[in-house]
Amino acid sequence: MKSNNILKTLKQFSKLLLFATFIIIIAYFFFPELKLPQNIIVDKILVEKSKRKMNVFSKGEKLKTYTISLGFQPIGKKQFEGDGKTPEGKYFIVSKNNHSIAFKSLGISYPNADNRKFAAHYRKSAGGNIMIHGMMNNFWYWGKFHRFMDWTGGCIALTNNEMDDLFKHVNVGCEIEIVE
């Protein structure tokens, strides 16, 4: 008799736990991200690959920290085209694209002269087209869940809402530093 009550209680607890987990997942997906302050221009971006974080600054003040996804081989710096790594070093934003293969993108000045020289030494291409971007077109529904894996070809990925907000506050010429 006592074991039946324990089993019944465990079943009820399991159902409650499953329901609570479902609610937390839904809340995580739909909970809105804080936006950058209006009329602020981001003048520096710092990407910390090992933490999967991207910090944005204006006049030395940190404005926001984003959780990001990286290239599918995130450890180490990008050396060659197709290696799936995100570059490390100091670069600049060189383009803004409203009609990218992903939801908006900010082009990064990779490869620089040192990157090209290194790759050429091995008779390979350093690659290119490294960007900060939103979700790939037609995959918007992944939303924040994209953060649970590194999936890009070497780019830095945000949600579409985050990318839309950042896009408004970054100008071509903004400094970006990417560290391990």
C-alpha atoms as a PDB file:
ATOM      1  CA  MET A   1       0.000   0.000   0.000  1.00  0.00           C
ATOM      2  CA  LYS A   2       2.774   2.414   0.953  1.00  0.00           C
ATOM      3  CA  SER A   3       4.748   1.645  -2.235  1.00  0.00           C
ATOM      4  CA  ASN A   4       1.653   2.437  -4.350  1.00  0.00           C
ATOM      5  CA  ASN A   5       1.441   5.893  -2.728  1.00  0.00           C
ATOM      6  CA  ILE A   6       5.131   6.489  -3.373  1.00  0.00           C
ATOM      7  CA  LEU A   7       4.752   5.476  -7.040  1.00  0.00           C
ATOM      8  CA  LYS A   8       1.696   7.706  -7.410  1.00  0.00           C
ATOM      9  CA  THR A   9       3.566  10.637  -5.851  1.00  0.00           C
ATOM     10  CA  LEU A  10       6.581  10.047  -8.117  1.00  0.00           C
ATOM     11  CA  LYS A  11       4.352   9.995 -11.206  1.00  0.00           C
ATOM     12  CA  GLN A  12       2.700  13.267 -10.166  1.00  0.00           C
ATOM     13  CA  PHE A  13       6.097  14.823  -9.456  1.00  0.00           C
ATOM     14  CA  SER A  14       7.409  13.649 -12.858  1.00  0.00           C
ATOM     15  CA  LYS A  15       4.450  15.218 -14.650  1.00  0.00           C
ATOM     16  CA  LEU A  16       4.921  18.458 -12.727  1.00  0.00           C
ATOM     17  CA  LEU A  17       8.656  18.491 -13.510  1.00  0.00           C
ATOM     18  CA  LEU A  18       7.986  17.869 -17.204  1.00  0.00           C
ATOM     19  CA  PHE A  19       5.414  20.667 -17.302  1.00  0.00           C
ATOM     20  CA  ALA A  20       7.778  23.077 -15.488  1.00  0.00           C
ATOM     21  CA  THR A  21      10.582  22.223 -17.936  1.00  0.00           C
ATOM     22  CA  PHE A  22       8.270  22.902 -20.873  1.00  0.00           C
ATOM     23  CA  ILE A  23       7.267  26.300 -19.417  1.00  0.00           C
ATOM     24  CA  ILE A  24      10.920  27.243 -18.834  1.00  0.00           C
ATOM     25  CA  ILE A  25      11.830  26.323 -22.419  1.00  0.00           C
ATOM     26  CA  ILE A  26       8.946  28.354 -23.840  1.00  0.00           C
ATOM     27  CA  ALA A  27       9.816  31.316 -21.593  1.00  0.00           C
ATOM     28  CA  TYR A  28      13.473  31.157 -22.679  1.00  0.00           C
ATOM     29  CA  PHE A  29      12.513  31.204 -26.346  1.00  0.00           C
ATOM     30  CA  PHE A  30      10.013  34.062 -26.113  1.00  0.00           C
ATOM     31  CA  PHE A  31      11.532  36.230 -23.360  1.00  0.00           C
ATOM     32  CA  PRO A  32      12.640  39.444 -25.084  1.00  0.00           C
ATOM     33  CA  GLU A  33      16.282  40.510 -25.075  1.00  0.00           C
ATOM     34  CA  LEU A  34      17.205  43.960 -23.817  1.00  0.00           C
ATOM     35  CA  LYS A  35      17.902  46.383 -26.638  1.00  0.00           C
ATOM     36  CA  LEU A  36      20.822  48.796 -26.951  1.00  0.00           C
ATOM     37  CA  PRO A  37      20.100  52.384 -25.875  1.00  0.00           C
ATOM     38  CA  GLN A  38      18.778  54.596 -28.679  1.00  0.00           C
ATOM     39  CA  ASN A  39      21.165  57.070 -30.362  1.00  0.00           C
ATOM     40  CA  ILE A  40      24.251  55.144 -29.220  1.00  0.00           C
ATOM     41  CA  ILE A  41      26.965  54.163 -31.680  1.00  0.00           C
ATOM     42  CA  VAL A  42      28.943  51.023 -30.921  1.00  0.00           C
ATOM     43  CA  ASP A  43      32.628  51.818 -31.499  1.00  0.00           C
ATOM     44  CA  LYS A  44      34.226  48.569 -30.292  1.00  0.00           C
ATOM     45  CA  ILE A  45      33.227  44.918 -30.277  1.00  0.00           C
ATOM     46  CA  LEU A  46      35.054  42.323 -28.188  1.00  0.00           C
ATOM     47  CA  VAL A  47      34.404  38.648 -28.907  1.00  0.00           C
ATOM     48  CA  GLU A  48      35.498  36.142 -26.261  1.00  0.00           C
ATOM     49  CA  LYS A  49      35.348  32.817 -28.091  1.00  0.00           C
ATOM     50  CA  SER A  50      35.948  30.517 -25.115  1.00  0.00           C
ATOM     51  CA  LYS A  51      33.069  32.155 -23.231  1.00  0.00           C
ATOM     52  CA  ARG A  52      30.803  32.364 -26.312  1.00  0.00           C
ATOM     53  CA  LYS A  53      30.265  36.048 -25.465  1.00  0.00           C
ATOM     54  CA  MET A  54      30.367  39.229 -27.518  1.00  0.00           C
ATOM     55  CA  ASN A  55      30.602  42.565 -25.693  1.00  0.00           C
ATOM     56  CA  VAL A  56      29.795  45.878 -27.360  1.00  0.00           C
ATOM     57  CA  PHE A  57      31.159  49.225 -26.190  1.00  0.00           C
ATOM     58  CA  SER A  58      30.633  52.921 -26.772  1.00  0.00           C
ATOM     59  CA  LYS A  59      33.312  55.372 -25.603  1.00  0.00           C
ATOM     60  CA  GLY A  60      34.825  52.693 -23.356  1.00  0.00           C
ATOM     61  CA  GLU A  61      31.541  51.809 -21.631  1.00  0.00           C
ATOM     62  CA  LYS A  62      30.254  48.265 -22.003  1.00  0.00           C
ATOM     63  CA  LEU A  63      26.688  48.463 -23.283  1.00  0.00           C
ATOM     64  CA  LYS A  64      25.682  44.849 -23.679  1.00  0.00           C
ATOM     65  CA  THR A  65      26.913  41.262 -23.721  1.00  0.00           C
ATOM     66  CA  TYR A  66      25.510  38.812 -26.263  1.00  0.00           C
ATOM     67  CA  THR A  67      25.640  35.019 -26.160  1.00  0.00           C
ATOM     68  CA  ILE A  68      26.916  33.810 -29.527  1.00  0.00           C
ATOM     69  CA  SER A  69      27.580  30.784 -31.686  1.00  0.00           C
ATOM     70  CA  LEU A  70      30.854  30.373 -33.565  1.00  0.00           C
ATOM     71  CA  GLY A  71      32.358  28.265 -36.331  1.00  0.00           C
ATOM     72  CA  PHE A  72      31.780  24.520 -36.102  1.00  0.00           C
ATOM     73  CA  GLN A  73      35.457  24.026 -35.055  1.00  0.00           C
ATOM     74  CA  PRO A  74      35.644  26.815 -32.461  1.00  0.00           C
ATOM     75  CA  ILE A  75      38.972  26.037 -30.762  1.00  0.00           C
ATOM     76  CA  GLY A  76      41.975  27.833 -32.227  1.00  0.00           C
ATOM     77  CA  LYS A  77      42.168  30.651 -34.716  1.00  0.00           C
ATOM     78  CA  LYS A  78      41.096  30.484 -38.324  1.00  0.00           C
ATOM     79  CA  GLN A  79      43.992  29.578 -40.595  1.00  0.00           C
ATOM     80  CA  PHE A  80      42.555  28.291 -43.837  1.00  0.00           C
ATOM     81  CA  GLU A  81      39.395  28.431 -45.895  1.00  0.00           C
ATOM     82  CA  GLY A  82      36.925  25.756 -44.823  1.00  0.00           C
ATOM     83  CA  ASP A  83      38.514  24.975 -41.442  1.00  0.00           C
ATOM     84  CA  GLY A  84      35.329  25.959 -39.577  1.00  0.00           C
ATOM     85  CA  LYS A  85      37.226  28.194 -37.174  1.00  0.00           C
ATOM     86  CA  THR A  86      36.432  31.767 -36.166  1.00  0.00           C
ATOM     87  CA  PRO A  87      39.427  34.116 -36.620  1.00  0.00           C
ATOM     88  CA  GLU A  88      41.301  35.736 -33.748  1.00  0.00           C
ATOM     89  CA  GLY A  89      42.868  39.179 -33.845  1.00  0.00           C
ATOM     90  CA  LYS A  90      41.997  42.813 -34.433  1.00  0.00           C
ATOM     91  CA  TYR A  91      39.784  43.595 -37.389  1.00  0.00           C
ATOM     92  CA  PHE A  92      37.190  46.141 -38.519  1.00  0.00           C
ATOM     93  CA  ILE A  93      33.601  46.081 -39.697  1.00  0.00           C
ATOM     94  CA  VAL A  94      33.878  46.645 -43.443  1.00  0.00           C
ATOM     95  CA  SER A  95      30.299  46.197 -44.640  1.00  0.00           C
ATOM     96  CA  LYS A  96      26.648  46.150 -43.637  1.00  0.00           C
ATOM     97  CA  ASN A  97      24.300  43.922 -45.603  1.00  0.00           C
ATOM     98  CA  ASN A  98      20.507  43.984 -45.277  1.00  0.00           C
ATOM     99  CA  HIS A  99      20.134  41.189 -47.852  1.00  0.00           C
ATOM    100  CA  SER A 100      22.635  38.595 -46.714  1.00  0.00           C
ATOM    101  CA  ILE A 101      22.259  34.795 -46.894  1.00  0.00           C
ATOM    102  CA  ALA A 102      21.604  35.211 -43.179  1.00  0.00           C
ATOM    103  CA  PHE A 103      19.346  37.736 -41.508  1.00  0.00           C
ATOM    104  CA  LYS A 104      21.495  40.862 -41.898  1.00  0.00           C
ATOM    105  CA  SER A 105      25.261  40.798 -41.572  1.00  0.00           C
ATOM    106  CA  LEU A 106      28.231  42.914 -40.587  1.00  0.00           C
ATOM    107  CA  GLY A 107      31.300  42.021 -42.651  1.00  0.00           C
ATOM    108  CA  ILE A 108      34.613  41.616 -40.807  1.00  0.00           C
ATOM    109  CA  SER A 109      37.939  42.573 -42.428  1.00  0.00           C
ATOM    110  CA  TYR A 110      39.300  39.025 -42.250  1.00  0.00           C
ATOM    111  CA  PRO A 111      41.693  38.058 -43.757  1.00  0.00           C
ATOM    112  CA  ASN A 112      44.298  40.712 -43.049  1.00  0.00           C
ATOM    113  CA  ALA A 113      47.814  40.704 -44.541  1.00  0.00           C
ATOM    114  CA  ASP A 114      49.190  38.443 -41.785  1.00  0.00           C
ATOM    115  CA  ASN A 115      46.351  35.926 -42.261  1.00  0.00           C
ATOM    116  CA  ARG A 116      46.940  35.819 -46.032  1.00  0.00           C
ATOM    117  CA  LYS A 117      50.721  35.466 -45.584  1.00  0.00           C
ATOM    118  CA  PHE A 118      50.308  32.570 -43.137  1.00  0.00           C
ATOM    119  CA  ALA A 119      47.939  30.689 -45.439  1.00  0.00           C
ATOM    120  CA  ALA A 120      50.086  31.377 -48.516  1.00  0.00           C
ATOM    121  CA  HIS A 121      53.078  29.811 -46.719  1.00  0.00           C
ATOM    122  CA  TYR A 122      51.080  26.551 -46.736  1.00  0.00           C
ATOM    123  CA  ARG A 123      49.831  27.200 -50.290  1.00  0.00           C
ATOM    124  CA  LYS A 124      46.264  27.527 -49.099  1.00  0.00           C
ATOM    125  CA  SER A 125      43.612  30.215 -49.047  1.00  0.00           C
ATOM    126  CA  ALA A 126      42.961  32.070 -45.785  1.00  0.00           C
ATOM    127  CA  GLY A 127      39.260  32.145 -46.620  1.00  0.00           C
ATOM    128  CA  GLY A 128      36.999  35.133 -46.187  1.00  0.00           C
ATOM    129  CA  ASN A 129      33.387  36.239 -45.852  1.00  0.00           C
ATOM    130  CA  ILE A 130      33.592  36.227 -42.065  1.00  0.00           C
ATOM    131  CA  MET A 131      30.671  38.131 -40.555  1.00  0.00           C
ATOM    132  CA  ILE A 132      28.551  38.793 -37.539  1.00  0.00           C
ATOM    133  CA  HIS A 133      25.115  37.658 -38.674  1.00  0.00           C
ATOM    134  CA  GLY A 134      21.662  36.561 -37.639  1.00  0.00           C
ATOM    135  CA  MET A 135      20.118  33.193 -38.370  1.00  0.00           C
ATOM    136  CA  MET A 136      20.467  31.726 -41.831  1.00  0.00           C
ATOM    137  CA  ASN A 137      17.486  32.616 -43.978  1.00  0.00           C
ATOM    138  CA  ASN A 138      14.634  30.127 -43.514  1.00  0.00           C
ATOM    139  CA  PHE A 139      16.040  29.013 -40.123  1.00  0.00           C
ATOM    140  CA  TRP A 140      14.790  31.971 -38.050  1.00  0.00           C
ATOM    141  CA  TYR A 141      12.702  29.633 -35.890  1.00  0.00           C
ATOM    142  CA  TRP A 142      15.820  28.314 -34.125  1.00  0.00           C
ATOM    143  CA  GLY A 143      15.971  31.654 -32.294  1.00  0.00           C
ATOM    144  CA  LYS A 144      17.934  31.467 -29.056  1.00  0.00           C
ATOM    145  CA  PHE A 145      18.298  27.693 -29.319  1.00  0.00           C
ATOM    146  CA  HIS A 146      21.059  28.156 -31.913  1.00  0.00           C
ATOM    147  CA  ARG A 147      23.303  29.110 -28.973  1.00  0.00           C
ATOM    148  CA  PHE A 148      23.512  25.494 -27.821  1.00  0.00           C
ATOM    149  CA  MET A 149      25.929  24.562 -30.610  1.00  0.00           C
ATOM    150  CA  ASP A 150      28.598  26.110 -32.806  1.00  0.00           C
ATOM    151  CA  TRP A 151      27.293  25.856 -36.342  1.00  0.00           C
ATOM    152  CA  THR A 152      28.678  28.601 -38.587  1.00  0.00           C
ATOM    153  CA  GLY A 153      31.483  28.269 -41.118  1.00  0.00           C
ATOM    154  CA  GLY A 154      33.620  30.635 -39.002  1.00  0.00           C
ATOM    155  CA  CYS A 155      31.240  33.549 -38.457  1.00  0.00           C
ATOM    156  CA  ILE A 156      29.728  34.916 -35.252  1.00  0.00           C
ATOM    157  CA  ALA A 157      25.984  34.290 -34.974  1.00  0.00           C
ATOM    158  CA  LEU A 158      23.254  36.097 -33.042  1.00  0.00           C
ATOM    159  CA  THR A 159      19.480  35.774 -33.019  1.00  0.00           C
ATOM    160  CA  ASN A 160      17.661  37.817 -35.653  1.00  0.00           C
ATOM    161  CA  ASN A 161      16.298  40.230 -33.035  1.00  0.00           C
ATOM    162  CA  GLU A 162      19.780  40.779 -31.610  1.00  0.00           C
ATOM    163  CA  MET A 163      21.239  41.244 -35.095  1.00  0.00           C
ATOM    164  CA  ASP A 164      18.533  43.731 -36.026  1.00  0.00           C
ATOM    165  CA  ASP A 165      19.303  45.806 -32.931  1.00  0.00           C
ATOM    166  CA  LEU A 166      23.104  45.624 -33.307  1.00  0.00           C
ATOM    167  CA  PHE A 167      22.907  46.445 -37.023  1.00  0.00           C
ATOM    168  CA  LYS A 168      21.319  49.835 -36.192  1.00  0.00           C
ATOM    169  CA  HIS A 169      24.148  50.792 -33.817  1.00  0.00           C
ATOM    170  CA  VAL A 170      27.298  49.692 -35.685  1.00  0.00           C
ATOM    171  CA  ASN A 171      28.935  51.666 -38.464  1.00  0.00           C
ATOM    172  CA  VAL A 172      31.486  50.551 -41.023  1.00  0.00           C
ATOM    173  CA  GLY A 173      34.911  51.111 -39.451  1.00  0.00           C
ATOM    174  CA  CYS A 174      33.949  49.840 -35.994  1.00  0.00           C
ATOM    175  CA  GLU A 175      36.818  47.945 -34.366  1.00  0.00           C
ATOM    176  CA  ILE A 176      36.299  44.261 -33.552  1.00  0.00           C
ATOM    177  CA  GLU A 177      38.732  42.236 -31.482  1.00  0.00           C
ATOM    178  CA  ILE A 178      38.320  38.469 -31.341  1.00  0.00           C
ATOM    179  CA  VAL A 179      40.182  36.595 -28.588  1.00  0.00           C
ATOM    180  CA  GLU A 180      40.278  32.977 -27.485  1.00  0.00           C
END
